[in-house]
PDB file of N, CA and C in Angstrom:
ATOM      1  N   MET A   1     282.672 170.857 131.648  1.00  0.00           N
ATOM      2  CA  MET A   1     281.629 171.149 132.619  1.00  0.00           C
ATOM      3  C   MET A   1     280.531 171.953 131.927  1.00  0.00           C
ATOM      4  N   SER A   2     279.319 171.488 132.018  1.00  0.00           N
ATOM      5  CA  SER A   2     278.170 172.121 131.380  1.00  0.00           C
ATOM      6  C   SER A   2     277.421 172.973 132.393  1.00  0.00           C
ATOM      7  N   GLU A   3     277.042 174.175 131.954  1.00  0.00           N
ATOM      8  CA  GLU A   3     276.274 175.061 132.813  1.00  0.00           C
ATOM      9  C   GLU A   3     274.799 174.970 132.451  1.00  0.00           C
ATOM     10  N   ASP A   4     273.968 175.121 133.462  1.00  0.00           N
ATOM     11  CA  ASP A   4     272.527 175.172 133.245  1.00  0.00           C
ATOM     12  C   ASP A   4     272.155 176.642 133.041  1.00  0.00           C
ATOM     13  N   VAL A   5     271.833 177.006 131.792  1.00  0.00           N
ATOM     14  CA  VAL A   5     271.510 178.388 131.450  1.00  0.00           C
ATOM     15  C   VAL A   5     270.012 178.477 131.156  1.00  0.00           C
ATOM     16  N   ILE A   6     269.350 179.385 131.863  1.00  0.00           N
ATOM     17  CA  ILE A   6     267.910 179.576 131.710  1.00  0.00           C
ATOM     18  C   ILE A   6     267.647 181.052 131.449  1.00  0.00           C
ATOM     19  N   VAL A   7     266.789 181.317 130.482  1.00  0.00           N
ATOM     20  CA  VAL A   7     266.299 182.670 130.221  1.00  0.00           C
ATOM     21  C   VAL A   7     264.796 182.624 130.440  1.00  0.00           C
ATOM     22  N   ARG A   8     264.298 183.525 131.282  1.00  0.00           N
ATOM     23  CA  ARG A   8     262.859 183.520 131.546  1.00  0.00           C
ATOM     24  C   ARG A   8     262.319 184.948 131.557  1.00  0.00           C
ATOM     25  N   ASP A   9     261.129 185.073 131.030  1.00  0.00           N
ATOM     26  CA  ASP A   9     260.455 186.365 130.993  1.00  0.00           C
ATOM     27  C   ASP A   9     259.878 186.655 132.371  1.00  0.00           C
ATOM     28  N   LYS A  10     260.076 187.865 132.816  1.00  0.00           N
ATOM     29  CA  LYS A  10     259.485 188.360 134.063  1.00  0.00           C
ATOM     30  C   LYS A  10     258.634 189.576 133.696  1.00  0.00           C
ATOM     31  N   PRO A  11     257.446 189.338 133.099  1.00  0.00           N
ATOM     32  CA  PRO A  11     256.650 190.461 132.587  1.00  0.00           C
ATOM     33  C   PRO A  11     256.275 191.483 133.655  1.00  0.00           C
ATOM     34  N   GLU A  12     256.152 191.059 134.885  1.00  0.00           N
ATOM     35  CA  GLU A  12     255.810 192.011 135.943  1.00  0.00           C
ATOM     36  C   GLU A  12     256.939 193.022 136.180  1.00  0.00           C
ATOM     37  N   HIS A  13     258.155 192.673 135.727  1.00  0.00           N
ATOM     38  CA  HIS A  13     259.315 193.564 135.851  1.00  0.00           C
ATOM     39  C   HIS A  13     259.792 194.069 134.489  1.00  0.00           C
ATOM     40  N   HIS A  14     259.092 193.694 133.438  1.00  0.00           N
ATOM     41  CA  HIS A  14     259.442 194.097 132.067  1.00  0.00           C
ATOM     42  C   HIS A  14     260.895 193.739 131.738  1.00  0.00           C
ATOM     43  N   ARG A  15     261.228 192.476 131.979  1.00  0.00           N
ATOM     44  CA  ARG A  15     262.590 192.050 131.676  1.00  0.00           C
ATOM     45  C   ARG A  15     262.657 190.534 131.510  1.00  0.00           C
ATOM     46  N   PHE A  16     263.709 190.117 130.856  1.00  0.00           N
ATOM     47  CA  PHE A  16     264.070 188.707 130.793  1.00  0.00           C
ATOM     48  C   PHE A  16     265.269 188.523 131.702  1.00  0.00           C
ATOM     49  N   ASP A  17     265.217 187.526 132.554  1.00  0.00           N
ATOM     50  CA  ASP A  17     266.335 187.208 133.437  1.00  0.00           C
ATOM     51  C   ASP A  17     267.169 186.096 132.841  1.00  0.00           C
ATOM     52  N   LEU A  18     268.468 186.183 133.064  1.00  0.00           N
ATOM     53  CA  LEU A  18     269.426 185.152 132.664  1.00  0.00           C
ATOM     54  C   LEU A  18     269.951 184.507 133.936  1.00  0.00           C
ATOM     55  N   LEU A  19     269.731 183.200 134.052  1.00  0.00           N
ATOM     56  CA  LEU A  19     270.215 182.452 135.216  1.00  0.00           C
ATOM     57  C   LEU A  19     271.229 181.423 134.752  1.00  0.00           C
ATOM     58  N   VAL A  20     272.341 181.335 135.461  1.00  0.00           N
ATOM     59  CA  VAL A  20     273.362 180.339 135.181  1.00  0.00           C
ATOM     60  C   VAL A  20     273.533 179.505 136.447  1.00  0.00           C
ATOM     61  N   ASP A  21     273.222 178.230 136.331  1.00  0.00           N
ATOM     62  CA  ASP A  21     273.254 177.331 137.489  1.00  0.00           C
ATOM     63  C   ASP A  21     272.476 177.915 138.668  1.00  0.00           C
ATOM     64  N   GLY A  22     271.326 178.532 138.356  1.00  0.00           N
ATOM     65  CA  GLY A  22     270.447 179.070 139.381  1.00  0.00           C
ATOM     66  C   GLY A  22     270.823 180.439 139.907  1.00  0.00           C
ATOM     67  N   VAL A  23     271.915 181.018 139.411  1.00  0.00           N
ATOM     68  CA  VAL A  23     272.387 182.324 139.877  1.00  0.00           C
ATOM     69  C   VAL A  23     272.031 183.387 138.844  1.00  0.00           C
ATOM     70  N   GLN A  24     271.488 184.513 139.313  1.00  0.00           N
ATOM     71  CA  GLN A  24     271.177 185.629 138.419  1.00  0.00           C
ATOM     72  C   GLN A  24     272.470 186.117 137.784  1.00  0.00           C
ATOM     73  N   ALA A  25     272.567 186.008 136.453  1.00  0.00           N
ATOM     74  CA  ALA A  25     273.776 186.402 135.735  1.00  0.00           C
ATOM     75  C   ALA A  25     273.570 187.644 134.886  1.00  0.00           C
ATOM     76  N   GLY A  26     272.315 188.001 134.624  1.00  0.00           N
ATOM     77  CA  GLY A  26     272.056 189.169 133.798  1.00  0.00           C
ATOM     78  C   GLY A  26     270.582 189.347 133.546  1.00  0.00           C
ATOM     79  N   PHE A  27     270.277 190.361 132.730  1.00  0.00           N
ATOM     80  CA  PHE A  27     268.882 190.641 132.384  1.00  0.00           C
ATOM     81  C   PHE A  27     268.836 191.506 131.144  1.00  0.00           C
ATOM     82  N   SER A  28     267.670 191.525 130.524  1.00  0.00           N
ATOM     83  CA  SER A  28     267.392 192.391 129.381  1.00  0.00           C
ATOM     84  C   SER A  28     266.067 193.097 129.650  1.00  0.00           C
ATOM     85  N   LEU A  29     266.116 194.425 129.710  1.00  0.00           N
ATOM     86  CA  LEU A  29     264.920 195.214 130.001  1.00  0.00           C
ATOM     87  C   LEU A  29     264.169 195.561 128.724  1.00  0.00           C
ATOM     88  N   TYR A  30     262.855 195.557 128.825  1.00  0.00           N
ATOM     89  CA  TYR A  30     262.026 195.980 127.702  1.00  0.00           C
ATOM     90  C   TYR A  30     260.870 196.821 128.212  1.00  0.00           C
ATOM     91  N   THR A  31     260.331 197.617 127.319  1.00  0.00           N
ATOM     92  CA  THR A  31     259.140 198.405 127.577  1.00  0.00           C
ATOM     93  C   THR A  31     258.129 198.041 126.509  1.00  0.00           C
ATOM     94  N   GLU A  32     256.911 197.770 126.902  1.00  0.00           N
ATOM     95  CA  GLU A  32     255.873 197.474 125.919  1.00  0.00           C
ATOM     96  C   GLU A  32     255.287 198.783 125.417  1.00  0.00           C
ATOM     97  N   PHE A  33     255.019 198.814 124.122  1.00  0.00           N
ATOM     98  CA  PHE A  33     254.582 200.048 123.483  1.00  0.00           C
ATOM     99  C   PHE A  33     253.572 199.723 122.399  1.00  0.00           C
ATOM    100  N   ALA A  34     252.568 200.567 122.301  1.00  0.00           N
ATOM    101  CA  ALA A  34     251.576 200.391 121.238  1.00  0.00           C
ATOM    102  C   ALA A  34     250.993 201.742 120.868  1.00  0.00           C
ATOM    103  N   GLU A  35     250.916 201.993 119.606  1.00  0.00           N
ATOM    104  CA  GLU A  35     250.235 203.189 119.137  1.00  0.00           C
ATOM    105  C   GLU A  35     248.738 202.926 118.992  1.00  0.00           C
ATOM    106  N   ASP A  36     248.396 201.667 118.825  1.00  0.00           N
ATOM    107  CA  ASP A  36     247.002 201.265 118.628  1.00  0.00           C
ATOM    108  C   ASP A  36     246.429 200.750 119.947  1.00  0.00           C
ATOM    109  N   PRO A  37     245.459 201.431 120.544  1.00  0.00           N
ATOM    110  CA  PRO A  37     244.884 200.984 121.809  1.00  0.00           C
ATOM    111  C   PRO A  37     244.244 199.597 121.733  1.00  0.00           C
ATOM    112  N   GLU A  38     243.898 199.160 120.528  1.00  0.00           N
ATOM    113  CA  GLU A  38     243.320 197.824 120.354  1.00  0.00           C
ATOM    114  C   GLU A  38     244.358 196.718 120.525  1.00  0.00           C
ATOM    115  N   ASN A  39     245.638 197.069 120.434  1.00  0.00           N
ATOM    116  CA  ASN A  39     246.721 196.096 120.573  1.00  0.00           C
ATOM    117  C   ASN A  39     247.749 196.673 121.544  1.00  0.00           C
ATOM    118  N   PRO A  40     247.461 196.634 122.865  1.00  0.00           N
ATOM    119  CA  PRO A  40     248.259 197.360 123.847  1.00  0.00           C
ATOM    120  C   PRO A  40     249.688 196.858 124.059  1.00  0.00           C
ATOM    121  N   ALA A  41     250.046 195.704 123.554  1.00  0.00           N
ATOM    122  CA  ALA A  41     251.415 195.213 123.738  1.00  0.00           C
ATOM    123  C   ALA A  41     252.016 194.820 122.395  1.00  0.00           C
ATOM    124  N   ALA A  42     251.774 195.645 121.393  1.00  0.00           N
ATOM    125  CA  ALA A  42     252.199 195.293 120.042  1.00  0.00           C
ATOM    126  C   ALA A  42     253.708 195.226 119.885  1.00  0.00           C
ATOM    127  N   GLN A  43     254.438 196.104 120.567  1.00  0.00           N
ATOM    128  CA  GLN A  43     255.887 196.146 120.419  1.00  0.00           C
ATOM    129  C   GLN A  43     256.559 195.997 121.775  1.00  0.00           C
ATOM    130  N   ARG A  44     257.751 195.420 121.727  1.00  0.00           N
ATOM    131  CA  ARG A  44     258.627 195.415 122.894  1.00  0.00           C
ATOM    132  C   ARG A  44     259.877 196.172 122.502  1.00  0.00           C
ATOM    133  N   ILE A  45     260.130 197.238 123.234  1.00  0.00           N
ATOM    134  CA  ILE A  45     261.323 198.044 123.014  1.00  0.00           C
ATOM    135  C   ILE A  45     262.400 197.509 123.958  1.00  0.00           C
ATOM    136  N   PHE A  46     263.406 196.857 123.412  1.00  0.00           N
ATOM    137  CA  PHE A  46     264.517 196.355 124.223  1.00  0.00           C
ATOM    138  C   PHE A  46     265.527 197.479 124.377  1.00  0.00           C
ATOM    139  N   HIS A  47     265.736 197.924 125.640  1.00  0.00           N
ATOM    140  CA  HIS A  47     266.544 199.120 125.845  1.00  0.00           C
ATOM    141  C   HIS A  47     267.738 198.967 126.764  1.00  0.00           C
ATOM    142  N   HIS A  48     267.919 197.826 127.390  1.00  0.00           N
ATOM    143  CA  HIS A  48     269.104 197.685 128.258  1.00  0.00           C
ATOM    144  C   HIS A  48     269.383 196.205 128.488  1.00  0.00           C
ATOM    145  N   THR A  49     270.625 195.812 128.253  1.00  0.00           N
ATOM    146  CA  THR A  49     271.047 194.425 128.479  1.00  0.00           C
ATOM    147  C   THR A  49     272.281 194.434 129.368  1.00  0.00           C
ATOM    148  N   VAL A  50     272.277 193.578 130.387  1.00  0.00           N
ATOM    149  CA  VAL A  50     273.384 193.504 131.334  1.00  0.00           C
ATOM    150  C   VAL A  50     273.726 192.045 131.593  1.00  0.00           C
ATOM    151  N   VAL A  51     275.018 191.738 131.563  1.00  0.00           N
ATOM    152  CA  VAL A  51     275.520 190.455 132.052  1.00  0.00           C
ATOM    153  C   VAL A  51     276.612 190.775 133.063  1.00  0.00           C
ATOM    154  N   ASP A  52     276.494 190.208 134.245  1.00  0.00           N
ATOM    155  CA  ASP A  52     277.457 190.443 135.316  1.00  0.00           C
ATOM    156  C   ASP A  52     278.865 190.066 134.851  1.00  0.00           C
ATOM    157  N   GLU A  53     279.837 190.882 135.244  1.00  0.00           N
ATOM    158  CA  GLU A  53     281.235 190.642 134.851  1.00  0.00           C
ATOM    159  C   GLU A  53     281.708 189.227 135.175  1.00  0.00           C
ATOM    160  N   ALA A  54     281.233 188.676 136.272  1.00  0.00           N
ATOM    161  CA  ALA A  54     281.654 187.328 136.676  1.00  0.00           C
ATOM    162  C   ALA A  54     281.256 186.272 135.647  1.00  0.00           C
ATOM    163  N   PHE A  55     280.307 186.604 134.774  1.00  0.00           N
ATOM    164  CA  PHE A  55     279.823 185.661 133.770  1.00  0.00           C
ATOM    165  C   PHE A  55     280.239 186.076 132.361  1.00  0.00           C
ATOM    166  N   GLY A  56     281.096 187.074 132.267  1.00  0.00           N
ATOM    167  CA  GLY A  56     281.505 187.604 130.973  1.00  0.00           C
ATOM    168  C   GLY A  56     282.351 186.627 130.160  1.00  0.00           C
ATOM    169  N   GLY A  57     282.400 186.872 128.859  1.00  0.00           N
ATOM    170  CA  GLY A  57     283.247 186.090 127.964  1.00  0.00           C
ATOM    171  C   GLY A  57     282.720 184.724 127.596  1.00  0.00           C
ATOM    172  N   ARG A  58     281.485 184.433 127.901  1.00  0.00           N
ATOM    173  CA  ARG A  58     280.914 183.108 127.628  1.00  0.00           C
ATOM    174  C   ARG A  58     279.827 183.144 126.558  1.00  0.00           C
ATOM    175  N   GLY A  59     279.577 184.314 125.998  1.00  0.00           N
ATOM    176  CA  GLY A  59     278.526 184.429 125.000  1.00  0.00           C
ATOM    177  C   GLY A  59     277.129 184.466 125.581  1.00  0.00           C
ATOM    178  N   LEU A  60     277.022 184.718 126.875  1.00  0.00           N
ATOM    179  CA  LEU A  60     275.719 184.669 127.532  1.00  0.00           C
ATOM    180  C   LEU A  60     274.808 185.830 127.138  1.00  0.00           C
ATOM    181  N   ALA A  61     275.374 186.979 126.817  1.00  0.00           N
ATOM    182  CA  ALA A  61     274.536 188.100 126.372  1.00  0.00           C
ATOM    183  C   ALA A  61     273.839 187.732 125.066  1.00  0.00           C
ATOM    184  N   GLY A  62     274.529 187.009 124.209  1.00  0.00           N
ATOM    185  CA  GLY A  62     273.921 186.552 122.963  1.00  0.00           C
ATOM    186  C   GLY A  62     272.823 185.534 123.204  1.00  0.00           C
ATOM    187  N   VAL A  63     273.049 184.627 124.143  1.00  0.00           N
ATOM    188  CA  VAL A  63     272.026 183.639 124.495  1.00  0.00           C
ATOM    189  C   VAL A  63     270.795 184.356 125.047  1.00  0.00           C
ATOM    190  N   LEU A  64     271.023 185.292 125.948  1.00  0.00           N
ATOM    191  CA  LEU A  64     269.924 186.070 126.541  1.00  0.00           C
ATOM    192  C   LEU A  64     269.142 186.808 125.456  1.00  0.00           C
ATOM    193  N   THR A  65     269.844 187.456 124.570  1.00  0.00           N
ATOM    194  CA  THR A  65     269.191 188.240 123.521  1.00  0.00           C
ATOM    195  C   THR A  65     268.407 187.350 122.573  1.00  0.00           C
ATOM    196  N   ARG A  66     269.004 186.265 122.123  1.00  0.00           N
ATOM    197  CA  ARG A  66     268.308 185.344 121.214  1.00  0.00           C
ATOM    198  C   ARG A  66     267.013 184.832 121.848  1.00  0.00           C
ATOM    199  N   GLU A  67     267.102 184.380 123.084  1.00  0.00           N
ATOM    200  CA  GLU A  67     265.926 183.828 123.758  1.00  0.00           C
ATOM    201  C   GLU A  67     264.860 184.899 124.014  1.00  0.00           C
ATOM    202  N   ALA A  68     265.284 186.087 124.434  1.00  0.00           N
ATOM    203  CA  ALA A  68     264.326 187.156 124.719  1.00  0.00           C
ATOM    204  C   ALA A  68     263.591 187.591 123.454  1.00  0.00           C
ATOM    205  N   LEU A  69     264.334 187.753 122.371  1.00  0.00           N
ATOM    206  CA  LEU A  69     263.697 188.208 121.139  1.00  0.00           C
ATOM    207  C   LEU A  69     262.809 187.132 120.531  1.00  0.00           C
ATOM    208  N   THR A  70     263.272 185.900 120.482  1.00  0.00           N
ATOM    209  CA  THR A  70     262.447 184.849 119.875  1.00  0.00           C
ATOM    210  C   THR A  70     261.208 184.573 120.719  1.00  0.00           C
ATOM    211  N   ALA A  71     261.322 184.619 122.042  1.00  0.00           N
ATOM    212  CA  ALA A  71     260.150 184.425 122.902  1.00  0.00           C
ATOM    213  C   ALA A  71     259.161 185.569 122.720  1.00  0.00           C
ATOM    214  N   SER A  72     259.659 186.780 122.575  1.00  0.00           N
ATOM    215  CA  SER A  72     258.782 187.934 122.379  1.00  0.00           C
ATOM    216  C   SER A  72     258.027 187.826 121.061  1.00  0.00           C
ATOM    217  N   VAL A  73     258.733 187.452 120.004  1.00  0.00           N
ATOM    218  CA  VAL A  73     258.086 187.290 118.692  1.00  0.00           C
ATOM    219  C   VAL A  73     257.059 186.163 118.752  1.00  0.00           C
ATOM    220  N   ALA A  74     257.419 185.060 119.405  1.00  0.00           N
ATOM    221  CA  ALA A  74     256.483 183.931 119.526  1.00  0.00           C
ATOM    222  C   ALA A  74     255.221 184.326 120.293  1.00  0.00           C
ATOM    223  N   ALA A  75     255.356 185.297 121.196  1.00  0.00           N
ATOM    224  CA  ALA A  75     254.203 185.768 121.974  1.00  0.00           C
ATOM    225  C   ALA A  75     253.405 186.846 121.227  1.00  0.00           C
ATOM    226  N   GLY A  76     253.824 187.163 120.004  1.00  0.00           N
ATOM    227  CA  GLY A  76     253.072 188.099 119.186  1.00  0.00           C
ATOM    228  C   GLY A  76     253.562 189.530 119.193  1.00  0.00           C
ATOM    229  N   HIS A  77     254.727 189.778 119.771  1.00  0.00           N
ATOM    230  CA  HIS A  77     255.271 191.137 119.836  1.00  0.00           C
ATOM    231  C   HIS A  77     256.206 191.413 118.656  1.00  0.00           C
ATOM    232  N   ARG A  78     256.294 192.679 118.299  1.00  0.00           N
ATOM    233  CA  ARG A  78     257.299 193.151 117.360  1.00  0.00           C
ATOM    234  C   ARG A  78     258.454 193.710 118.193  1.00  0.00           C
ATOM    235  N   ILE A  79     259.641 193.704 117.640  1.00  0.00           N
ATOM    236  CA  ILE A  79     260.849 194.103 118.360  1.00  0.00           C
ATOM    237  C   ILE A  79     261.282 195.493 117.915  1.00  0.00           C
ATOM    238  N   VAL A  80     261.616 196.338 118.887  1.00  0.00           N
ATOM    239  CA  VAL A  80     262.210 197.642 118.613  1.00  0.00           C
ATOM    240  C   VAL A  80     263.537 197.675 119.371  1.00  0.00           C
ATOM    241  N   PRO A  81     264.662 197.627 118.650  1.00  0.00           N
ATOM    242  CA  PRO A  81     265.972 197.569 119.305  1.00  0.00           C
ATOM    243  C   PRO A  81     266.543 198.955 119.610  1.00  0.00           C
ATOM    244  N   VAL A  82     266.622 199.289 120.893  1.00  0.00           N
ATOM    245  CA  VAL A  82     267.255 200.523 121.341  1.00  0.00           C
ATOM    246  C   VAL A  82     268.593 200.200 122.000  1.00  0.00           C
ATOM    247  N   CYS A  83     268.661 199.118 122.735  1.00  0.00           N
ATOM    248  CA  CYS A  83     269.891 198.694 123.410  1.00  0.00           C
ATOM    249  C   CYS A  83     270.997 198.469 122.374  1.00  0.00           C
ATOM    250  N   PRO A  84     272.169 199.074 122.553  1.00  0.00           N
ATOM    251  CA  PRO A  84     273.251 198.897 121.584  1.00  0.00           C
ATOM    252  C   PRO A  84     273.642 197.434 121.364  1.00  0.00           C
ATOM    253  N   PHE A  85     273.610 196.612 122.416  1.00  0.00           N
ATOM    254  CA  PHE A  85     273.946 195.204 122.227  1.00  0.00           C
ATOM    255  C   PHE A  85     272.919 194.515 121.335  1.00  0.00           C
ATOM    256  N   VAL A  86     271.649 194.774 121.563  1.00  0.00           N
ATOM    257  CA  VAL A  86     270.591 194.159 120.749  1.00  0.00           C
ATOM    258  C   VAL A  86     270.732 194.613 119.297  1.00  0.00           C
ATOM    259  N   VAL A  87     271.029 195.889 119.077  1.00  0.00           N
ATOM    260  CA  VAL A  87     271.228 196.394 117.714  1.00  0.00           C
ATOM    261  C   VAL A  87     272.364 195.625 117.027  1.00  0.00           C
ATOM    262  N   ARG A  88     273.499 195.479 117.715  1.00  0.00           N
ATOM    263  CA  ARG A  88     274.642 194.740 117.132  1.00  0.00           C
ATOM    264  C   ARG A  88     274.295 193.282 116.894  1.00  0.00           C
ATOM    265  N   TRP A  89     273.590 192.666 117.831  1.00  0.00           N
ATOM    266  CA  TRP A  89     273.228 191.255 117.692  1.00  0.00           C
ATOM    267  C   TRP A  89     272.361 191.055 116.457  1.00  0.00           C
ATOM    268  N   LEU A  90     271.410 191.954 116.249  1.00  0.00           N
ATOM    269  CA  LEU A  90     270.507 191.839 115.104  1.00  0.00           C
ATOM    270  C   LEU A  90     271.232 191.995 113.770  1.00  0.00           C
ATOM    271  N   ARG A  91     272.346 192.711 113.736  1.00  0.00           N
ATOM    272  CA  ARG A  91     273.124 192.844 112.496  1.00  0.00           C
ATOM    273  C   ARG A  91     273.695 191.501 112.051  1.00  0.00           C
ATOM    274  N   ASP A  92     274.010 190.639 113.010  1.00  0.00           N
ATOM    275  CA  ASP A  92     274.657 189.353 112.704  1.00  0.00           C
ATOM    276  C   ASP A  92     273.718 188.162 112.742  1.00  0.00           C
ATOM    277  N   HIS A  93     272.545 188.339 113.289  1.00  0.00           N
ATOM    278  CA  HIS A  93     271.581 187.245 113.431  1.00  0.00           C
ATOM    279  C   HIS A  93     270.258 187.694 112.823  1.00  0.00           C
ATOM    280  N   HIS A  94     269.679 186.830 112.040  1.00  0.00           N
ATOM    281  CA  HIS A  94     268.524 187.256 111.248  1.00  0.00           C
ATOM    282  C   HIS A  94     267.253 186.449 111.520  1.00  0.00           C
ATOM    283  N   GLU A  95     267.206 185.773 112.650  1.00  0.00           N
ATOM    284  CA  GLU A  95     266.075 184.922 112.976  1.00  0.00           C
ATOM    285  C   GLU A  95     264.759 185.688 113.120  1.00  0.00           C
ATOM    286  N   VAL A  96     264.830 186.934 113.553  1.00  0.00           N
ATOM    287  CA  VAL A  96     263.609 187.705 113.819  1.00  0.00           C
ATOM    288  C   VAL A  96     263.497 188.946 112.922  1.00  0.00           C
ATOM    289  N   ASP A  97     264.250 188.994 111.849  1.00  0.00           N
ATOM    290  CA  ASP A  97     264.263 190.176 110.966  1.00  0.00           C
ATOM    291  C   ASP A  97     262.870 190.652 110.573  1.00  0.00           C
ATOM    292  N   GLU A  98     261.981 189.732 110.301  1.00  0.00           N
ATOM    293  CA  GLU A  98     260.639 190.104 109.843  1.00  0.00           C
ATOM    294  C   GLU A  98     259.797 190.752 110.937  1.00  0.00           C
ATOM    295  N   SER A  99     260.284 190.712 112.169  1.00  0.00           N
ATOM    296  CA  SER A  99     259.524 191.241 113.307  1.00  0.00           C
ATOM    297  C   SER A  99     260.202 192.434 113.966  1.00  0.00           C
ATOM    298  N   VAL A 100     261.158 193.047 113.272  1.00  0.00           N
ATOM    299  CA  VAL A 100     261.889 194.185 113.836  1.00  0.00           C
ATOM    300  C   VAL A 100     261.371 195.485 113.223  1.00  0.00           C
ATOM    301  N   ASP A 101     261.087 196.462 114.091  1.00  0.00           N
ATOM    302  CA  ASP A 101     260.642 197.780 113.661  1.00  0.00           C
ATOM    303  C   ASP A 101     261.730 198.812 113.944  1.00  0.00           C
ATOM    304  N   ARG A 102     261.748 199.851 113.131  1.00  0.00           N
ATOM    305  CA  ARG A 102     262.702 200.946 113.321  1.00  0.00           C
ATOM    306  C   ARG A 102     262.378 201.724 114.584  1.00  0.00           C
ATOM    307  N   VAL A 103     263.429 202.233 115.213  1.00  0.00           N
ATOM    308  CA  VAL A 103     263.266 203.092 116.386  1.00  0.00           C
ATOM    309  C   VAL A 103     262.773 204.463 115.917  1.00  0.00           C
ATOM    310  N   ARG A 104     261.729 204.933 116.604  1.00  0.00           N
ATOM    311  CA  ARG A 104     261.180 206.251 116.315  1.00  0.00           C
ATOM    312  C   ARG A 104     261.223 207.092 117.607  1.00  0.00           C
ATOM    313  N   PRO A 105     261.087 208.394 117.481  1.00  0.00           N
ATOM    314  CA  PRO A 105     261.105 209.244 118.685  1.00  0.00           C
ATOM    315  C   PRO A 105     260.090 208.805 119.749  1.00  0.00           C
ATOM    316  N   ALA A 106     258.931 208.324 119.350  1.00  0.00           N
ATOM    317  CA  ALA A 106     257.935 207.868 120.327  1.00  0.00           C
ATOM    318  C   ALA A 106     258.452 206.689 121.151  1.00  0.00           C
ATOM    319  N   HIS A 107     259.267 205.845 120.542  1.00  0.00           N
ATOM    320  CA  HIS A 107     259.860 204.717 121.276  1.00  0.00           C
ATOM    321  C   HIS A 107     260.844 205.229 122.334  1.00  0.00           C
ATOM    322  N   LEU A 108     261.682 206.177 121.935  1.00  0.00           N
ATOM    323  CA  LEU A 108     262.665 206.723 122.877  1.00  0.00           C
ATOM    324  C   LEU A 108     261.972 207.423 124.036  1.00  0.00           C
ATOM    325  N   GLU A 109     260.880 208.103 123.763  1.00  0.00           N
ATOM    326  CA  GLU A 109     260.113 208.751 124.821  1.00  0.00           C
ATOM    327  C   GLU A 109     259.496 207.708 125.757  1.00  0.00           C
ATOM    328  N   ALA A 110     259.023 206.607 125.222  1.00  0.00           N
ATOM    329  CA  ALA A 110     258.467 205.527 126.056  1.00  0.00           C
ATOM    330  C   ALA A 110     259.540 204.954 126.975  1.00  0.00           C
ATOM    331  N   VAL A 111     260.755 204.813 126.476  1.00  0.00           N
ATOM    332  CA  VAL A 111     261.866 204.325 127.316  1.00  0.00           C
ATOM    333  C   VAL A 111     262.185 205.324 128.405  1.00  0.00           C
ATOM    334  N   ARG A 112     262.224 206.622 128.065  1.00  0.00           N
ATOM    335  CA  ARG A 112     262.483 207.655 129.085  1.00  0.00           C
ATOM    336  C   ARG A 112     261.421 207.610 130.182  1.00  0.00           C
ATOM    337  N   ARG A 113     260.169 207.463 129.793  1.00  0.00           N
ATOM    338  CA  ARG A 113     259.085 207.387 130.796  1.00  0.00           C
ATOM    339  C   ARG A 113     259.260 206.149 131.672  1.00  0.00           C
ATOM    340  N   ALA A 114     259.611 205.020 131.063  1.00  0.00           N
ATOM    341  CA  ALA A 114     259.790 203.778 131.828  1.00  0.00           C
ATOM    342  C   ALA A 114     260.948 203.904 132.801  1.00  0.00           C
ATOM    343  N   ASP A 115     262.046 204.513 132.360  1.00  0.00           N
ATOM    344  CA  ASP A 115     263.208 204.714 133.238  1.00  0.00           C
ATOM    345  C   ASP A 115     262.867 205.631 134.404  1.00  0.00           C
ATOM    346  N   ALA A 116     262.092 206.675 134.133  1.00  0.00           N
ATOM    347  CA  ALA A 116     261.701 207.617 135.172  1.00  0.00           C
ATOM    348  C   ALA A 116     260.778 206.982 136.207  1.00  0.00           C
ATOM    349  N   ALA A 117     260.002 205.995 135.786  1.00  0.00           N
ATOM    350  CA  ALA A 117     259.051 205.343 136.686  1.00  0.00           C
ATOM    351  C   ALA A 117     259.728 204.357 137.638  1.00  0.00           C
ATOM    352  N   GLU A 118     260.937 203.952 137.322  1.00  0.00           N
ATOM    353  CA  GLU A 118     261.618 202.946 138.169  1.00  0.00           C
ATOM    354  C   GLU A 118     262.280 203.534 139.365  1.00  0.00           C
TER     355      GLU A 118
END
């Protein structure tokens, strides 16, 4: 039995949604960050990834992460991995290595501000 798995960006919510057969199965949150005002969305800080327990054990978090990161890079963003799952995924997958930036204190502060705003 094949599942219909879709990952889609929801920029108005700063997240990528994971849908399995039309059902929300998870999401990956990001915060856009830029030190240069001329490039206001230069980086995407990925800071939280969730897959519902009912969908666990199928590798869907990896599918979500791969799609979210490659779509972000294709849209011109650099990746800043704060989420522990994204950090682990990047250790084993190297498709976006050239577009990954180190986490700095300013990134962590941007995530704290984003969390406080929700």
